[in-house]
Amino acid sequence: MAGLINFEDEKEVKEFLDNLGTEYSYQCHKEKDPEGCLRLADYLDGVKKNYEAAAQVLRHNCEQNGHGESCYKLGTYHIAGKGPMGNLARMPRLDPYSFLETPIFSMTTESQDLGFTSHPRTVPIYSIVPCGVPACLRSAYSCFLRSCEKGGKKRAEACHSVGLLAHDGRALEAGPDAGAARSYYERACGEGLAASCFNLSVLYITGAPGLASDMGRALQFALQACQLGHVWGCANASRMFKLGEGVPKDQARAEELKNRAKELHSQQKEAQLTFGE
């Protein structure tokens, strides 16, 4: 059994982790391996808790190596900051769903029919943490934009995040940009990210400066979100068929979508209960 680590031996674990850091550093700085740089950043973050050093590695890997996943991770650092912050000022928390995740019928009889007793609250992607890497929404926007354009494993999430920040407007000097939000939501939706499809539906329901309300397109994206398992996409599409918004009334289709929303909602509740056991 030689070579196995005794994780109950503190000294042995420390030696193992130190060797791991040396290996990742070699991969990044000597072999110039972008994946090795990402592993090094994860090591500095998760093991050493040196968030500033991790951010430096991520920035280098993003800007010099064009590594999309590193750009995305650096963007998440800048959303709310990362690490011990001391007396530095914090950025306000960005809740990317606060203005998007309320269904259009949330206060109506239809929501009660579905068995929902409160507004949906999707757990946001980002949460406030003490900050050694300063929070900066503009820096986050730039990082997500690079990641969206570069591609990689986090491309859809990066494009969605650009859409959220453009929709919210705090990262942009000129304020909210519905056109940019739509464009980046469309990219992420096209890659199968249900939240982006739903947000597109909301954009077309409400309209925005430079973007006219279009219930037909709103229904299209609500249905796409529903197919991807988004409960509120199904619920909103159900309501639109019931009321004939953007489509001729179809009570059978409305009922089918309502039942699908209830099924998804039940599955989510069961998953939460299982996780909490």
Protein backbone atom coordinates (compact mmCIF):
# COMPACT_ATOMS: atom_id res chain seq x y z
CA MET A 1 0.00 0.00 0.00
CA ALA A 2 3.04 2.25 -0.47
CA GLY A 3 2.24 5.68 -1.82
CA LEU A 4 -1.09 6.06 -0.04
CA ILE A 5 -1.47 9.14 2.15
CA ASN A 6 -2.46 8.74 5.78
CA PHE A 7 -4.81 11.69 6.07
CA GLU A 8 -4.88 11.31 9.85
CA ASP A 9 -1.17 12.17 9.98
CA GLU A 10 -0.93 15.97 9.97
CA LYS A 11 2.74 16.03 8.99
CA GLU A 12 2.20 13.62 6.11
CA VAL A 13 -0.77 15.60 4.83
CA LYS A 14 1.19 18.85 4.99
CA GLU A 15 4.05 17.32 3.02
CA PHE A 16 1.61 15.97 0.45
CA LEU A 17 -0.06 19.36 0.01
CA ASP A 18 3.26 21.18 -0.24
CA ASN A 19 4.39 18.77 -2.95
CA LEU A 20 1.09 19.27 -4.75
CA GLY A 21 1.60 23.03 -4.76
CA THR A 22 5.12 22.61 -6.13
CA GLU A 23 3.83 20.35 -8.90
CA TYR A 24 1.08 22.78 -9.93
CA SER A 25 3.50 25.70 -9.84
CA TYR A 26 5.86 23.82 -12.15
CA GLN A 27 3.02 22.97 -14.54
CA CYS A 28 1.98 26.61 -14.69
CA HIS A 29 5.26 28.52 -14.71
CA LYS A 30 7.64 26.07 -16.36
CA GLU A 31 5.44 23.96 -18.61
CA LYS A 32 3.18 26.93 -19.44
CA ASP A 33 0.12 24.69 -19.10
CA PRO A 34 -3.09 26.75 -18.71
CA GLU A 35 -4.83 23.87 -16.95
CA GLY A 36 -1.87 23.65 -14.58
CA CYS A 37 -2.27 27.36 -13.84
CA LEU A 38 -5.94 26.82 -13.03
CA ARG A 39 -4.99 23.96 -10.71
CA LEU A 40 -2.42 26.23 -9.06
CA ALA A 41 -5.03 28.95 -8.55
CA ASP A 42 -7.44 26.41 -7.06
CA TYR A 43 -4.65 25.22 -4.75
CA LEU A 44 -3.80 28.76 -3.62
CA ASP A 45 -7.50 29.42 -3.04
CA GLY A 46 -8.63 26.19 -1.43
CA VAL A 47 -5.51 25.04 0.44
CA LYS A 48 -3.43 28.14 1.15
CA LYS A 49 -6.36 30.59 1.36
CA ASN A 50 -4.12 33.09 -0.43
CA TYR A 51 -6.79 34.71 -2.55
CA GLU A 52 -4.66 37.55 -3.85
CA ALA A 53 -2.05 35.12 -5.18
CA ALA A 54 -4.81 32.96 -6.65
CA ALA A 55 -6.26 36.03 -8.37
CA GLN A 56 -2.85 36.92 -9.82
CA VAL A 57 -2.52 33.45 -11.31
CA LEU A 58 -6.07 33.58 -12.67
CA ARG A 59 -5.47 37.02 -14.20
CA HIS A 60 -2.27 35.85 -15.89
CA ASN A 61 -3.97 32.70 -17.17
CA CYS A 62 -6.93 34.70 -18.42
CA GLU A 63 -5.06 37.56 -20.09
CA GLN A 64 -1.89 35.84 -21.29
CA ASN A 65 -3.11 32.31 -21.97
CA GLY A 66 -6.69 33.11 -22.98
CA HIS A 67 -8.04 30.51 -20.55
CA GLY A 68 -11.78 31.09 -20.40
CA GLU A 69 -12.43 29.19 -17.18
CA SER A 70 -9.80 31.29 -15.37
CA CYS A 71 -11.44 34.48 -16.66
CA TYR A 72 -14.77 33.25 -15.31
CA LYS A 73 -13.39 32.33 -11.89
CA LEU A 74 -11.63 35.70 -11.57
CA GLY A 75 -14.95 37.34 -12.42
CA THR A 76 -16.63 35.52 -9.54
CA TYR A 77 -13.92 36.87 -7.22
CA HIS A 78 -14.72 40.43 -8.29
CA ILE A 79 -18.50 40.11 -7.88
CA ALA A 80 -18.30 40.37 -4.09
CA GLY A 81 -14.61 40.18 -3.29
CA LYS A 82 -12.67 37.27 -1.92
CA GLY A 83 -10.86 36.64 1.35
CA PRO A 84 -10.25 38.68 4.52
CA MET A 85 -11.14 42.28 3.91
CA GLY A 86 -10.23 44.28 7.03
CA ASN A 87 -11.56 47.82 6.84
CA LEU A 88 -11.87 48.00 3.07
CA ALA A 89 -15.25 49.06 1.76
CA ARG A 90 -17.50 46.39 0.36
CA MET A 91 -19.43 46.53 -2.84
CA PRO A 92 -23.20 46.07 -2.47
CA ARG A 93 -24.31 42.52 -3.02
CA LEU A 94 -25.43 41.73 -6.54
CA ASP A 95 -28.42 39.46 -6.43
CA PRO A 96 -28.73 38.61 -10.12
CA TYR A 97 -32.19 37.14 -9.68
CA SER A 98 -33.83 39.81 -7.55
CA PHE A 99 -35.40 41.46 -10.57
CA LEU A 100 -35.76 38.41 -12.78
CA GLU A 101 -36.98 35.42 -10.82
CA THR A 102 -40.46 36.62 -9.87
CA PRO A 103 -42.98 34.93 -12.16
CA ILE A 104 -45.40 37.18 -13.99
CA PHE A 105 -48.34 35.64 -12.13
CA SER A 106 -46.76 35.43 -8.68
CA MET A 107 -49.61 37.25 -6.93
CA THR A 108 -52.47 35.71 -8.90
CA THR A 109 -54.76 32.74 -8.60
CA GLU A 110 -52.66 30.77 -11.08
CA SER A 111 -49.73 30.63 -8.67
CA GLN A 112 -52.00 29.33 -5.93
CA ASP A 113 -53.33 26.71 -8.33
CA LEU A 114 -49.78 25.50 -8.84
CA GLY A 115 -49.39 25.06 -5.11
CA PHE A 116 -46.79 27.83 -4.65
CA THR A 117 -47.14 29.88 -1.50
CA SER A 118 -44.32 32.39 -2.01
CA HIS A 119 -42.19 34.05 -4.63
CA PRO A 120 -39.52 31.81 -6.13
CA ARG A 121 -36.05 32.51 -4.83
CA THR A 122 -33.24 30.99 -6.79
CA VAL A 123 -30.06 30.69 -4.76
CA PRO A 124 -27.85 33.34 -6.37
CA ILE A 125 -24.62 32.43 -8.02
CA TYR A 126 -22.74 34.88 -5.85
CA SER A 127 -22.64 35.49 -2.12
CA ILE A 128 -20.94 38.10 0.06
CA VAL A 129 -17.66 36.97 1.56
CA PRO A 130 -14.92 38.96 3.29
CA CYS A 131 -12.71 40.45 0.63
CA GLY A 132 -8.95 40.43 0.07
CA VAL A 133 -9.47 40.66 -3.69
CA PRO A 134 -11.57 43.83 -3.98
CA ALA A 135 -15.11 43.67 -5.27
CA CYS A 136 -15.56 45.49 -8.56
CA LEU A 137 -18.52 44.85 -10.83
CA ARG A 138 -16.80 46.45 -13.82
CA SER A 139 -13.83 44.12 -13.41
CA ALA A 140 -16.23 41.20 -13.05
CA TYR A 141 -18.01 42.26 -16.24
CA SER A 142 -14.71 42.41 -18.13
CA CYS A 143 -13.68 38.96 -16.89
CA PHE A 144 -17.02 37.37 -17.74
CA LEU A 145 -16.94 39.01 -21.16
CA ARG A 146 -13.51 37.51 -21.87
CA SER A 147 -14.70 34.10 -20.71
CA CYS A 148 -17.82 34.28 -22.84
CA GLU A 149 -15.78 35.17 -25.93
CA LYS A 150 -12.94 32.70 -25.25
CA GLY A 151 -15.18 29.71 -24.67
CA GLY A 152 -14.41 26.73 -22.48
CA LYS A 153 -16.28 24.84 -19.78
CA LYS A 154 -17.80 27.96 -18.22
CA ARG A 155 -18.78 29.76 -21.42
CA ALA A 156 -22.54 29.52 -20.91
CA GLU A 157 -22.31 30.68 -17.29
CA ALA A 158 -19.99 33.52 -18.31
CA CYS A 159 -22.32 34.74 -21.07
CA HIS A 160 -25.23 34.53 -18.64
CA SER A 161 -23.28 36.59 -16.10
CA VAL A 162 -22.54 39.26 -18.73
CA GLY A 163 -26.26 39.35 -19.44
CA LEU A 164 -27.10 39.72 -15.75
CA LEU A 165 -24.65 42.58 -15.26
CA ALA A 166 -25.80 44.35 -18.43
CA HIS A 167 -29.42 43.92 -17.35
CA ASP A 168 -28.70 45.23 -13.87
CA GLY A 169 -26.56 48.09 -15.16
CA ARG A 170 -24.32 48.71 -12.16
CA ALA A 171 -21.27 47.41 -14.01
CA LEU A 172 -21.82 49.74 -16.97
CA GLU A 173 -21.09 53.45 -17.05
CA ALA A 174 -24.25 54.15 -19.06
CA GLY A 175 -26.49 51.96 -16.88
CA PRO A 176 -28.72 49.04 -17.89
CA ASP A 177 -28.35 47.83 -21.47
CA ALA A 178 -31.25 45.59 -22.44
CA GLY A 179 -29.83 44.99 -25.91
CA ALA A 180 -26.56 43.64 -24.54
CA ALA A 181 -28.41 41.62 -21.92
CA ARG A 182 -30.57 40.04 -24.62
CA SER A 183 -27.54 39.24 -26.79
CA TYR A 184 -25.63 37.45 -24.04
CA TYR A 185 -28.69 35.70 -22.65
CA GLU A 186 -29.30 34.38 -26.17
CA ARG A 187 -25.80 32.93 -26.29
CA ALA A 188 -26.19 31.18 -22.96
CA CYS A 189 -29.72 30.03 -23.73
CA GLY A 190 -28.47 28.60 -27.02
CA GLU A 191 -25.99 26.52 -25.02
CA GLY A 192 -28.74 25.12 -22.85
CA LEU A 193 -28.68 27.39 -19.78
CA ALA A 194 -32.29 27.47 -18.59
CA ALA A 195 -31.93 30.64 -16.50
CA SER A 196 -30.90 32.64 -19.56
CA CYS A 197 -33.87 31.37 -21.55
CA PHE A 198 -36.16 32.37 -18.69
CA ASN A 199 -34.57 35.82 -18.37
CA LEU A 200 -35.04 36.36 -22.11
CA SER A 201 -38.70 35.53 -21.65
CA VAL A 202 -38.97 38.09 -18.84
CA LEU A 203 -37.24 40.73 -20.98
CA TYR A 204 -39.77 40.23 -23.75
CA ILE A 205 -42.69 40.21 -21.32
CA THR A 206 -41.76 43.48 -19.67
CA GLY A 207 -39.91 45.23 -22.47
CA ALA A 208 -37.14 47.72 -21.76
CA PRO A 209 -35.65 50.87 -23.28
CA GLY A 210 -34.68 49.89 -26.81
CA LEU A 211 -36.44 46.53 -26.55
CA ALA A 212 -40.16 46.33 -27.23
CA SER A 213 -42.39 43.86 -25.43
CA ASP A 214 -43.08 40.82 -27.60
CA MET A 215 -45.31 38.17 -26.06
CA GLY A 216 -44.74 35.74 -28.91
CA ARG A 217 -41.00 35.69 -28.29
CA ALA A 218 -41.60 35.70 -24.55
CA LEU A 219 -43.57 32.48 -24.94
CA GLN A 220 -40.88 30.98 -27.17
CA PHE A 221 -38.20 31.44 -24.53
CA ALA A 222 -40.50 30.46 -21.66
CA LEU A 223 -41.15 27.16 -23.43
CA GLN A 224 -37.44 26.69 -24.04
CA ALA A 225 -36.72 27.32 -20.36
CA CYS A 226 -39.46 24.85 -19.45
CA GLN A 227 -37.95 22.16 -21.69
CA LEU A 228 -34.66 22.71 -19.86
CA GLY A 229 -36.36 22.14 -16.49
CA HIS A 230 -37.03 25.73 -15.35
CA VAL A 231 -40.16 25.63 -13.20
CA TRP A 232 -41.08 29.28 -13.73
CA GLY A 233 -40.60 28.97 -17.47
CA CYS A 234 -43.28 26.27 -17.44
CA ALA A 235 -45.51 28.29 -15.12
CA ASN A 236 -45.32 31.47 -17.18
CA ALA A 237 -45.88 29.58 -20.42
CA SER A 238 -48.93 27.94 -18.84
CA ARG A 239 -50.38 31.32 -17.96
CA MET A 240 -49.75 32.68 -21.46
CA PHE A 241 -51.60 29.77 -23.06
CA LYS A 242 -54.43 30.16 -20.55
CA LEU A 243 -54.87 33.88 -21.23
CA GLY A 244 -53.95 33.86 -24.90
CA GLU A 245 -50.91 36.10 -24.51
CA GLY A 246 -48.72 35.79 -27.59
CA VAL A 247 -50.62 32.70 -28.68
CA PRO A 248 -54.25 31.60 -29.17
CA LYS A 249 -55.85 30.36 -25.97
CA ASP A 250 -55.27 26.66 -25.38
CA GLN A 251 -56.55 25.38 -22.05
CA ALA A 252 -55.26 21.85 -22.61
CA ARG A 253 -51.74 23.09 -23.27
CA ALA A 254 -51.98 25.45 -20.30
CA GLU A 255 -52.95 22.56 -18.04
CA GLU A 256 -50.14 20.39 -19.39
CA LEU A 257 -47.56 23.09 -18.67
CA LYS A 258 -49.05 23.80 -15.25
CA ASN A 259 -48.70 20.13 -14.35
CA ARG A 260 -45.12 20.14 -15.58
CA ALA A 261 -44.39 23.18 -13.39
CA LYS A 262 -45.90 21.42 -10.38
CA GLU A 263 -43.85 18.30 -11.11
CA LEU A 264 -40.61 20.29 -11.32
CA HIS A 265 -41.47 22.21 -8.17
CA SER A 266 -42.10 18.96 -6.31
CA GLN A 267 -38.81 17.51 -7.53
CA GLN A 268 -36.94 20.58 -6.31
CA LYS A 269 -38.55 20.35 -2.87
CA GLU A 270 -37.66 16.66 -2.62
CA ALA A 271 -34.06 17.40 -3.63
CA GLN A 272 -33.82 20.06 -0.91
CA LEU A 273 -35.19 17.66 1.69
CA THR A 274 -32.78 14.93 0.62
CA PHE A 275 -29.86 17.34 0.79
CA GLY A 276 -30.89 18.41 4.28
CA GLU A 277 -31.18 14.90 5.71
